[in-house]
Amino acid sequence: MDTQMKELIAIGASVTANCVLCLRHHIIQAKKAGIDDDHIQEAVEVGRMVRKDAAASWDEEADALLCLESAIGDAQESADEGSGCKNI
């Protein structure tokens, strides 16, 4: 893998990891390696997509765990009332 590809991957990973210092470093390195602004922007956008999907998955998992906890605590209520949780 060449330096340009590594820097583009590092840019996307930096965005996904929310690491501002990493992103600054890798954008500078990418420009030194001759990568144009359009490709850098594309790598940033890929990182944003990955971060967004990962965050959504974590949010869904947190909601499911909260609903599970609620369901356990409400176990004595009637089944008709339910826990108010869509995921169970």
N, C-alpha and C. Protein backbone atom coordinates (compact mmCIF):
# COMPACT_ATOMS: atom_id res chain seq x y z
N MET A 1 0.85 -1.17 0.00
CA MET A 1 0.00 0.00 0.00
C MET A 1 0.90 1.24 0.00
N ASP A 2 0.59 2.18 -0.85
CA ASP A 2 1.43 3.37 -0.93
C ASP A 2 1.06 4.42 0.14
N THR A 3 1.90 5.42 0.26
CA THR A 3 1.73 6.47 1.28
C THR A 3 0.41 7.21 1.11
N GLN A 4 0.03 7.51 -0.13
CA GLN A 4 -1.22 8.23 -0.35
C GLN A 4 -2.42 7.44 0.17
N MET A 5 -2.46 6.17 -0.13
CA MET A 5 -3.57 5.33 0.32
C MET A 5 -3.60 5.27 1.85
N LYS A 6 -2.44 5.11 2.47
CA LYS A 6 -2.36 5.06 3.93
C LYS A 6 -2.88 6.35 4.55
N GLU A 7 -2.52 7.49 3.98
CA GLU A 7 -2.97 8.77 4.53
C GLU A 7 -4.47 8.95 4.36
N LEU A 8 -5.01 8.54 3.22
CA LEU A 8 -6.47 8.64 3.04
C LEU A 8 -7.21 7.75 4.04
N ILE A 9 -6.70 6.57 4.27
CA ILE A 9 -7.31 5.68 5.27
C ILE A 9 -7.19 6.31 6.66
N ALA A 10 -6.02 6.88 6.96
CA ALA A 10 -5.81 7.51 8.27
C ALA A 10 -6.74 8.71 8.46
N ILE A 11 -7.02 9.45 7.40
CA ILE A 11 -7.95 10.58 7.49
C ILE A 11 -9.35 10.06 7.85
N GLY A 12 -9.81 9.06 7.13
CA GLY A 12 -11.13 8.50 7.43
C GLY A 12 -11.20 7.93 8.84
N ALA A 13 -10.14 7.24 9.26
CA ALA A 13 -10.10 6.67 10.61
C ALA A 13 -10.08 7.77 11.67
N SER A 14 -9.39 8.85 11.40
CA SER A 14 -9.31 9.97 12.34
C SER A 14 -10.69 10.60 12.55
N VAL A 15 -11.43 10.75 11.46
CA VAL A 15 -12.79 11.30 11.57
C VAL A 15 -13.67 10.34 12.36
N THR A 16 -13.58 9.06 12.04
CA THR A 16 -14.39 8.06 12.72
C THR A 16 -14.09 8.02 14.22
N ALA A 17 -12.82 8.20 14.57
CA ALA A 17 -12.40 8.17 15.98
C ALA A 17 -12.57 9.51 16.69
N ASN A 18 -13.05 10.52 15.96
CA ASN A 18 -13.22 11.86 16.54
C ASN A 18 -11.90 12.42 17.07
N CYS A 19 -10.81 12.14 16.39
CA CYS A 19 -9.49 12.59 16.83
C CYS A 19 -9.05 13.80 16.00
N VAL A 20 -9.25 14.99 16.55
CA VAL A 20 -8.93 16.22 15.83
C VAL A 20 -7.43 16.32 15.55
N LEU A 21 -6.60 16.01 16.53
CA LEU A 21 -5.15 16.09 16.34
C LEU A 21 -4.69 15.11 15.26
N CYS A 22 -5.26 13.92 15.26
CA CYS A 22 -4.92 12.93 14.23
C CYS A 22 -5.32 13.45 12.85
N LEU A 23 -6.53 14.00 12.76
CA LEU A 23 -7.02 14.49 11.48
C LEU A 23 -6.12 15.61 10.96
N ARG A 24 -5.75 16.55 11.80
CA ARG A 24 -4.86 17.62 11.38
C ARG A 24 -3.54 17.06 10.85
N HIS A 25 -2.97 16.15 11.60
CA HIS A 25 -1.69 15.55 11.21
C HIS A 25 -1.80 14.86 9.85
N HIS A 26 -2.83 14.05 9.68
CA HIS A 26 -2.94 13.25 8.45
C HIS A 26 -3.34 14.09 7.25
N ILE A 27 -4.07 15.17 7.45
CA ILE A 27 -4.36 16.07 6.33
C ILE A 27 -3.07 16.73 5.86
N ILE A 28 -2.25 17.18 6.80
CA ILE A 28 -0.95 17.78 6.44
C ILE A 28 -0.09 16.76 5.70
N GLN A 29 -0.03 15.53 6.22
CA GLN A 29 0.77 14.49 5.57
C GLN A 29 0.22 14.15 4.19
N ALA A 30 -1.10 14.15 4.06
CA ALA A 30 -1.72 13.85 2.77
C ALA A 30 -1.36 14.91 1.74
N LYS A 31 -1.40 16.16 2.15
CA LYS A 31 -1.05 17.24 1.21
C LYS A 31 0.43 17.15 0.83
N LYS A 32 1.29 16.81 1.80
CA LYS A 32 2.71 16.62 1.50
C LYS A 32 2.91 15.48 0.51
N ALA A 33 2.04 14.47 0.59
CA ALA A 33 2.15 13.30 -0.30
C ALA A 33 1.52 13.58 -1.67
N GLY A 34 0.97 14.78 -1.86
CA GLY A 34 0.44 15.14 -3.16
C GLY A 34 -1.02 14.80 -3.38
N ILE A 35 -1.75 14.55 -2.32
CA ILE A 35 -3.17 14.22 -2.45
C ILE A 35 -3.96 15.52 -2.59
N ASP A 36 -4.85 15.56 -3.58
CA ASP A 36 -5.62 16.78 -3.79
C ASP A 36 -6.78 16.89 -2.79
N ASP A 37 -7.31 18.11 -2.69
CA ASP A 37 -8.35 18.41 -1.71
C ASP A 37 -9.62 17.58 -1.92
N ASP A 38 -9.95 17.28 -3.16
CA ASP A 38 -11.15 16.47 -3.43
C ASP A 38 -11.05 15.08 -2.83
N HIS A 39 -9.87 14.46 -2.95
CA HIS A 39 -9.68 13.13 -2.37
C HIS A 39 -9.66 13.18 -0.85
N ILE A 40 -9.08 14.22 -0.30
CA ILE A 40 -9.07 14.38 1.17
C ILE A 40 -10.51 14.54 1.66
N GLN A 41 -11.29 15.37 0.98
CA GLN A 41 -12.69 15.57 1.36
C GLN A 41 -13.47 14.27 1.27
N GLU A 42 -13.19 13.48 0.24
CA GLU A 42 -13.87 12.19 0.10
C GLU A 42 -13.54 11.26 1.26
N ALA A 43 -12.29 11.25 1.69
CA ALA A 43 -11.89 10.42 2.84
C ALA A 43 -12.59 10.89 4.12
N VAL A 44 -12.72 12.21 4.27
CA VAL A 44 -13.44 12.76 5.43
C VAL A 44 -14.90 12.29 5.40
N GLU A 45 -15.52 12.35 4.24
CA GLU A 45 -16.92 11.94 4.11
C GLU A 45 -17.10 10.46 4.41
N VAL A 46 -16.18 9.62 3.97
CA VAL A 46 -16.26 8.19 4.28
C VAL A 46 -16.17 8.00 5.80
N GLY A 47 -15.25 8.70 6.45
CA GLY A 47 -15.13 8.62 7.91
C GLY A 47 -16.41 9.04 8.60
N ARG A 48 -17.05 10.09 8.09
CA ARG A 48 -18.32 10.56 8.67
C ARG A 48 -19.41 9.51 8.53
N MET A 49 -19.47 8.85 7.37
CA MET A 49 -20.48 7.81 7.17
C MET A 49 -20.27 6.66 8.14
N VAL A 50 -19.03 6.24 8.29
CA VAL A 50 -18.73 5.13 9.21
C VAL A 50 -19.08 5.52 10.63
N ARG A 51 -18.67 6.74 11.04
CA ARG A 51 -18.96 7.22 12.39
C ARG A 51 -20.46 7.29 12.64
N LYS A 52 -21.19 7.80 11.67
CA LYS A 52 -22.64 7.93 11.81
C LYS A 52 -23.30 6.56 11.99
N ASP A 53 -22.92 5.60 11.15
CA ASP A 53 -23.50 4.25 11.25
C ASP A 53 -23.11 3.58 12.56
N ALA A 54 -21.86 3.77 12.97
CA ALA A 54 -21.42 3.17 14.24
C ALA A 54 -22.17 3.78 15.42
N ALA A 55 -22.35 5.11 15.40
CA ALA A 55 -23.07 5.78 16.48
C ALA A 55 -24.52 5.31 16.53
N ALA A 56 -25.13 5.15 15.37
CA ALA A 56 -26.52 4.69 15.33
C ALA A 56 -26.63 3.29 15.92
N SER A 57 -25.67 2.43 15.61
CA SER A 57 -25.69 1.07 16.16
C SER A 57 -25.54 1.09 17.67
N TRP A 58 -24.65 1.94 18.18
CA TRP A 58 -24.49 2.05 19.63
C TRP A 58 -25.75 2.59 20.29
N ASP A 59 -26.38 3.57 19.66
CA ASP A 59 -27.62 4.13 20.19
C ASP A 59 -28.70 3.07 20.26
N GLU A 60 -28.82 2.26 19.22
CA GLU A 60 -29.80 1.18 19.22
C GLU A 60 -29.51 0.18 20.32
N GLU A 61 -28.24 -0.15 20.51
CA GLU A 61 -27.85 -1.10 21.55
C GLU A 61 -28.16 -0.54 22.93
N ALA A 62 -27.85 0.73 23.14
CA ALA A 62 -28.14 1.36 24.43
C ALA A 62 -29.64 1.36 24.70
N ASP A 63 -30.44 1.68 23.69
CA ASP A 63 -31.89 1.66 23.85
C ASP A 63 -32.38 0.26 24.20
N ALA A 64 -31.84 -0.73 23.52
CA ALA A 64 -32.25 -2.11 23.79
C ALA A 64 -31.89 -2.52 25.21
N LEU A 65 -30.70 -2.14 25.66
CA LEU A 65 -30.28 -2.48 27.02
C LEU A 65 -31.13 -1.75 28.06
N LEU A 66 -31.46 -0.51 27.80
CA LEU A 66 -32.33 0.23 28.72
C LEU A 66 -33.71 -0.40 28.77
N CYS A 67 -34.22 -0.85 27.63
CA CYS A 67 -35.53 -1.50 27.60
C CYS A 67 -35.49 -2.83 28.33
N LEU A 68 -34.40 -3.55 28.18
CA LEU A 68 -34.25 -4.82 28.89
C LEU A 68 -34.26 -4.58 30.39
N GLU A 69 -33.52 -3.58 30.84
CA GLU A 69 -33.47 -3.25 32.26
C GLU A 69 -34.85 -2.85 32.75
N SER A 70 -35.56 -2.08 31.96
CA SER A 70 -36.91 -1.66 32.31
C SER A 70 -37.83 -2.86 32.40
N ALA A 71 -37.70 -3.78 31.45
CA ALA A 71 -38.55 -4.96 31.43
C ALA A 71 -38.32 -5.84 32.65
N ILE A 72 -37.07 -5.95 33.08
CA ILE A 72 -36.76 -6.73 34.27
C ILE A 72 -37.38 -6.08 35.49
N GLY A 73 -37.25 -4.75 35.60
CA GLY A 73 -37.81 -4.04 36.74
C GLY A 73 -39.32 -4.04 36.77
N ASP A 74 -39.94 -4.14 35.62
CA ASP A 74 -41.40 -4.10 35.52
C ASP A 74 -42.01 -5.50 35.40
N ALA A 75 -41.27 -6.52 35.72
CA ALA A 75 -41.72 -7.90 35.51
C ALA A 75 -43.00 -8.21 36.27
N GLN A 76 -43.27 -7.50 37.34
CA GLN A 76 -44.46 -7.78 38.14
C GLN A 76 -45.72 -7.15 37.54
N GLU A 77 -45.55 -6.24 36.60
CA GLU A 77 -46.72 -5.63 35.95
C GLU A 77 -47.35 -6.64 35.00
N SER A 78 -48.58 -6.41 34.67
CA SER A 78 -49.26 -7.35 33.78
C SER A 78 -48.67 -7.31 32.38
N ALA A 79 -48.79 -8.38 31.66
CA ALA A 79 -48.25 -8.48 30.31
C ALA A 79 -48.94 -7.49 29.37
N ASP A 80 -50.20 -7.17 29.68
CA ASP A 80 -50.94 -6.23 28.82
C ASP A 80 -50.34 -4.84 28.87
N GLU A 81 -49.81 -4.45 30.00
CA GLU A 81 -49.24 -3.11 30.14
C GLU A 81 -47.88 -3.03 29.43
N GLY A 82 -47.12 -4.09 29.47
CA GLY A 82 -45.80 -4.13 28.81
C GLY A 82 -44.83 -3.13 29.42
N SER A 83 -43.65 -3.08 28.85
CA SER A 83 -42.61 -2.20 29.37
C SER A 83 -42.55 -0.88 28.61
N GLY A 84 -43.33 -0.74 27.56
CA GLY A 84 -43.27 0.46 26.77
C GLY A 84 -42.08 0.47 25.83
N CYS A 85 -41.48 -0.66 25.65
CA CYS A 85 -40.28 -0.76 24.84
C CYS A 85 -40.60 -1.45 23.53
N LYS A 86 -40.21 -0.83 22.43
CA LYS A 86 -40.49 -1.39 21.11
C LYS A 86 -39.57 -2.55 20.78
N ASN A 87 -38.40 -2.64 21.43
CA ASN A 87 -37.40 -3.64 21.04
C ASN A 87 -37.60 -4.99 21.70
N ILE A 88 -38.55 -5.10 22.59
CA ILE A 88 -38.76 -6.39 23.27
C ILE A 88 -40.05 -6.99 22.81
